[in-house]
């Protein structure tokens, strides 16, 4: 199954996560000459690594993106029914839970 994830910007530019902005600029020039990736992909990798917010997302989200994409494509509709084909019902122990929460909130508001 193809996840269609964008290429890892560090891989595209051939730099490590601790690379400085100057190293990223030089790596972009090398990547453009090597033509291993499309120019648009190389430019996007540079933009990602030069923008602190986007770089932070690339650093911390990239490892979990394949898992996120995998779960986005999973059909969970089978969880709506049990093995007998009966529709699942809510747990009776949770009946009235919302009312109990509202009562507690009212009591807390009164005590303030």
Protein backbone atom coordinates (compact mmCIF):
# COMPACT_ATOMS: atom_id res chain seq x y z
CA UNK A 1 0.00 0.00 0.00
CA UNK A 2 1.43 3.38 -1.00
CA UNK A 3 1.08 6.10 1.60
CA UNK A 4 1.92 9.01 -0.72
CA UNK A 5 3.98 10.71 1.97
CA UNK A 6 6.17 13.61 0.92
CA UNK A 7 9.88 12.71 0.89
CA UNK A 8 11.86 13.26 4.08
CA UNK A 9 13.39 16.77 3.71
CA UNK A 10 16.60 15.60 5.39
CA UNK A 11 16.92 12.77 2.89
CA UNK A 12 16.16 15.04 -0.07
CA UNK A 13 18.90 17.50 0.90
CA UNK A 14 21.28 14.91 2.35
CA UNK A 15 21.70 16.70 5.68
CA UNK A 16 21.32 15.57 9.27
CA UNK A 17 18.74 17.03 11.70
CA UNK A 18 21.36 19.27 13.30
CA UNK A 19 22.22 21.04 10.03
CA UNK A 20 22.54 24.82 10.12
CA UNK A 21 20.80 27.16 7.68
CA UNK A 22 24.10 27.58 5.80
CA UNK A 23 24.49 23.81 5.48
CA UNK A 24 20.91 23.53 4.24
CA UNK A 25 21.54 26.21 1.59
CA UNK A 26 24.69 24.45 0.38
CA UNK A 27 22.89 21.10 0.41
CA UNK A 28 20.13 22.54 -1.76
CA UNK A 29 22.65 23.56 -4.39
CA UNK A 30 24.21 20.07 -4.31
CA UNK A 31 20.76 18.44 -4.54
CA UNK A 32 19.81 20.60 -7.52
CA UNK A 33 23.00 19.56 -9.33
CA UNK A 34 22.48 15.88 -8.49
CA UNK A 35 18.89 15.99 -9.82
CA UNK A 36 17.94 12.95 -7.77
CA UNK A 37 14.67 14.68 -6.82
CA UNK A 38 12.42 17.08 -8.70
CA UNK A 39 13.35 20.78 -8.23
CA UNK A 40 9.95 21.40 -6.62
CA UNK A 41 10.62 18.68 -4.03
CA UNK A 42 14.08 20.08 -3.29
CA UNK A 43 12.74 23.62 -2.87
CA UNK A 44 9.98 22.36 -0.54
CA UNK A 45 12.54 20.46 1.54
CA UNK A 46 14.61 23.63 1.89
CA UNK A 47 11.55 25.71 2.86
CA UNK A 48 10.57 23.09 5.43
CA UNK A 49 14.00 22.99 7.06
CA UNK A 50 14.52 26.76 7.06
CA UNK A 51 11.15 27.48 8.73
CA UNK A 52 11.49 26.64 12.46
CA UNK A 53 7.83 25.64 12.85
CA UNK A 54 7.77 23.40 9.78
CA UNK A 55 11.13 21.91 10.75
CA UNK A 56 9.79 21.04 14.19
CA UNK A 57 6.84 19.27 12.58
CA UNK A 58 9.18 17.40 10.23
CA UNK A 59 11.36 16.33 13.16
CA UNK A 60 8.60 15.09 15.43
CA UNK A 61 5.73 14.11 13.14
CA UNK A 62 7.60 12.27 10.37
CA UNK A 63 8.17 9.11 12.45
CA UNK A 64 4.42 8.75 13.15
CA UNK A 65 3.04 9.82 9.76
CA UNK A 66 3.02 6.32 8.23
CA UNK A 67 0.98 5.05 11.18
CA UNK A 68 -1.43 8.01 10.97
CA UNK A 69 -1.92 7.48 7.25
CA UNK A 70 -2.46 3.76 7.78
CA UNK A 71 -5.23 4.38 10.33
CA UNK A 72 -6.91 6.99 8.14
CA UNK A 73 -7.50 4.24 5.56
CA UNK A 74 -8.76 1.56 7.97
CA UNK A 75 -12.46 0.75 7.75
CA UNK A 76 -13.74 0.70 11.32
CA UNK A 77 -17.40 0.27 10.39
CA UNK A 78 -17.22 -3.38 11.51
CA UNK A 79 -16.89 -2.17 15.08
CA UNK A 80 -20.50 -1.00 15.04
CA UNK A 81 -21.78 -4.59 15.31
CA UNK A 82 -20.77 -7.57 17.42
CA UNK A 83 -20.05 -11.10 16.12
CA UNK A 84 -23.76 -11.94 15.96
CA UNK A 85 -24.55 -8.97 13.75
CA UNK A 86 -26.43 -7.17 16.53
CA UNK A 87 -25.88 -3.45 16.81
CA UNK A 88 -23.72 -2.60 19.80
CA UNK A 89 -25.35 -0.66 22.59
CA UNK A 90 -23.84 1.70 25.09
CA UNK A 91 -22.77 0.35 28.43
CA UNK A 92 -25.61 0.62 30.96
CA UNK A 93 -23.07 1.67 33.59
CA UNK A 94 -22.65 4.93 31.69
CA UNK A 95 -26.36 5.79 31.65
CA UNK A 96 -26.87 9.11 33.40
CA UNK A 97 -23.18 9.97 33.39
CA UNK A 98 -23.76 13.31 31.68
CA UNK A 99 -26.43 14.22 34.25
CA UNK A 100 -24.08 13.32 37.10
CA UNK A 101 -21.35 15.50 35.60
CA UNK A 102 -23.75 18.44 35.29
CA UNK A 103 -24.82 17.99 38.93
CA UNK A 104 -21.20 17.98 40.08
CA UNK A 105 -20.45 21.09 38.06
CA UNK A 106 -23.48 22.84 39.59
CA UNK A 107 -22.34 21.88 43.10
CA UNK A 108 -18.86 23.19 42.37
CA UNK A 109 -20.28 26.45 41.04
CA UNK A 110 -22.40 26.86 44.18
CA UNK A 111 -19.41 26.33 46.48
CA UNK A 112 -17.43 29.13 44.82
